[in-house]
Amino acid sequence: MKRRYGVLALALPVALMVGCAFTSVRPWGKDTYIVHASGYGRSASEAALAKKAHSRANAFCAEQGKVMQPVSYEWEVGDYELRFRALGPDDPEVTGPAMETTPDVGVDVQER
């Protein structure tokens, strides 16, 4: 009996860390919010975290009867942050995605 609980005590935290992505929504100005998703293992890919963040943002807006309008995003291994606006369905600013990404590489141009 002790052995079974010991195995469970080790397996449960590992299973939770490998498959989970955590999301939270925070206000970021007028009608603007940030959703942050982080994950470990298989759930840490950019695609998996982006899907989780966009799903959470859409659900957050739907709860308020609004539409999610992506603004920008940032991604690092294991972390994805989406900035979005919660707009009314008839708002004229509701358009297709006009997302911007934050560059992570700078290029210096030197004249010869």
Protein backbone atom coordinates (compact mmCIF):
# COMPACT_ATOMS: atom_id res chain seq x y z
CA MET A 1 0.00 0.00 0.00
CA LYS A 2 2.80 2.44 0.87
CA ARG A 3 4.55 1.74 -2.42
CA ARG A 4 1.41 2.59 -4.44
CA TYR A 5 1.07 6.01 -2.77
CA GLY A 6 4.78 6.70 -3.29
CA VAL A 7 4.50 6.03 -7.02
CA LEU A 8 1.37 8.20 -7.22
CA ALA A 9 3.10 11.00 -5.31
CA LEU A 10 5.91 11.00 -7.90
CA ALA A 11 3.82 10.43 -11.01
CA LEU A 12 1.15 13.08 -10.41
CA PRO A 13 3.43 16.17 -10.31
CA VAL A 14 5.34 14.95 -13.37
CA ALA A 15 2.11 14.35 -15.30
CA LEU A 16 0.86 17.80 -14.38
CA MET A 17 4.09 19.52 -15.45
CA VAL A 18 4.36 17.70 -18.77
CA GLY A 19 0.86 18.32 -20.06
CA CYS A 20 -0.38 21.59 -18.61
CA ALA A 21 -0.49 25.11 -19.95
CA PHE A 22 -1.46 27.82 -17.52
CA THR A 23 -3.34 30.94 -18.64
CA SER A 24 -4.41 34.12 -16.91
CA VAL A 25 -6.09 37.29 -18.23
CA ARG A 26 -5.09 40.75 -16.96
CA PRO A 27 -6.43 44.19 -17.90
CA TRP A 28 -4.00 46.33 -19.94
CA GLY A 29 -5.80 49.63 -20.59
CA LYS A 30 -9.20 50.54 -22.00
CA ASP A 31 -10.81 47.42 -23.53
CA THR A 32 -7.32 45.88 -23.77
CA TYR A 33 -6.11 42.76 -22.00
CA ILE A 34 -3.14 40.42 -21.83
CA VAL A 35 -3.44 36.67 -21.62
CA HIS A 36 -0.36 34.74 -20.61
CA ALA A 37 0.10 31.05 -21.29
CA SER A 38 3.02 28.98 -20.10
CA GLY A 39 3.65 25.29 -20.39
CA TYR A 40 6.13 22.50 -19.95
CA GLY A 41 7.05 19.55 -22.10
CA ARG A 42 4.81 18.98 -25.11
CA SER A 43 2.53 21.87 -24.18
CA ALA A 44 5.41 24.38 -24.38
CA SER A 45 5.54 24.70 -28.19
CA GLU A 46 4.61 28.06 -29.68
CA ALA A 47 1.63 26.53 -31.49
CA ALA A 48 0.26 24.84 -28.36
CA LEU A 49 0.65 27.94 -26.20
CA ALA A 50 -0.77 30.24 -28.91
CA LYS A 51 -3.82 27.99 -29.23
CA LYS A 52 -4.33 28.01 -25.46
CA ALA A 53 -3.92 31.81 -25.22
CA HIS A 54 -6.24 32.56 -28.16
CA SER A 55 -8.86 30.11 -26.84
CA ARG A 56 -8.74 31.72 -23.41
CA ALA A 57 -8.98 35.24 -24.89
CA ASN A 58 -11.96 34.23 -27.05
CA ALA A 59 -13.70 32.64 -24.07
CA PHE A 60 -13.03 35.72 -21.92
CA CYS A 61 -14.57 38.00 -24.56
CA ALA A 62 -17.52 35.67 -25.23
CA GLU A 63 -18.41 35.74 -21.51
CA GLN A 64 -18.87 39.51 -21.90
CA GLY A 65 -20.70 39.32 -25.23
CA LYS A 66 -17.69 40.82 -27.00
CA VAL A 67 -15.33 39.87 -29.82
CA MET A 68 -11.61 39.26 -29.39
CA GLN A 69 -9.36 41.45 -31.56
CA PRO A 70 -5.67 40.39 -31.38
CA VAL A 71 -3.20 43.26 -31.08
CA SER A 72 0.24 41.70 -30.62
CA TYR A 73 2.05 38.75 -29.12
CA GLU A 74 5.41 37.75 -27.69
CA TRP A 75 6.78 34.25 -27.48
CA GLU A 76 9.74 32.72 -25.67
CA VAL A 77 10.29 29.03 -25.08
CA GLY A 78 7.60 27.98 -22.63
CA ASP A 79 5.85 31.37 -22.51
CA TYR A 80 3.35 33.07 -24.83
CA GLU A 81 1.77 36.44 -24.18
CA LEU A 82 -1.14 37.73 -26.27
CA ARG A 83 -2.39 41.31 -26.15
CA PHE A 84 -5.97 41.70 -27.33
CA ARG A 85 -8.95 44.02 -27.26
CA ALA A 86 -12.46 43.05 -26.17
CA LEU A 87 -14.76 44.89 -28.59
CA GLY A 88 -18.48 44.91 -29.15
CA PRO A 89 -19.56 42.82 -32.17
CA ASP A 90 -20.69 45.97 -34.03
CA ASP A 91 -17.57 47.99 -33.18
CA PRO A 92 -16.04 49.43 -36.40
CA GLU A 93 -12.57 48.47 -35.13
CA VAL A 94 -13.42 44.76 -35.39
CA THR A 95 -11.39 43.70 -38.40
CA GLY A 96 -9.20 40.80 -39.40
CA PRO A 97 -6.12 40.18 -37.28
CA ALA A 98 -3.63 43.03 -37.48
CA MET A 99 -1.14 41.55 -35.07
CA GLU A 100 2.37 42.81 -34.60
CA THR A 101 5.22 40.77 -33.24
CA THR A 102 8.01 42.21 -31.14
CA PRO A 103 11.31 41.70 -32.99
CA ASP A 104 13.88 39.75 -31.05
CA VAL A 105 16.76 40.51 -33.43
CA GLY A 106 18.14 43.92 -34.34
CA VAL A 107 19.94 44.57 -37.63
CA ASP A 108 22.54 47.30 -37.98
CA VAL A 109 23.07 48.57 -41.53
CA GLN A 110 26.50 49.99 -42.21
CA GLU A 111 27.26 52.04 -45.28
CA ARG A 112 30.52 51.39 -47.14
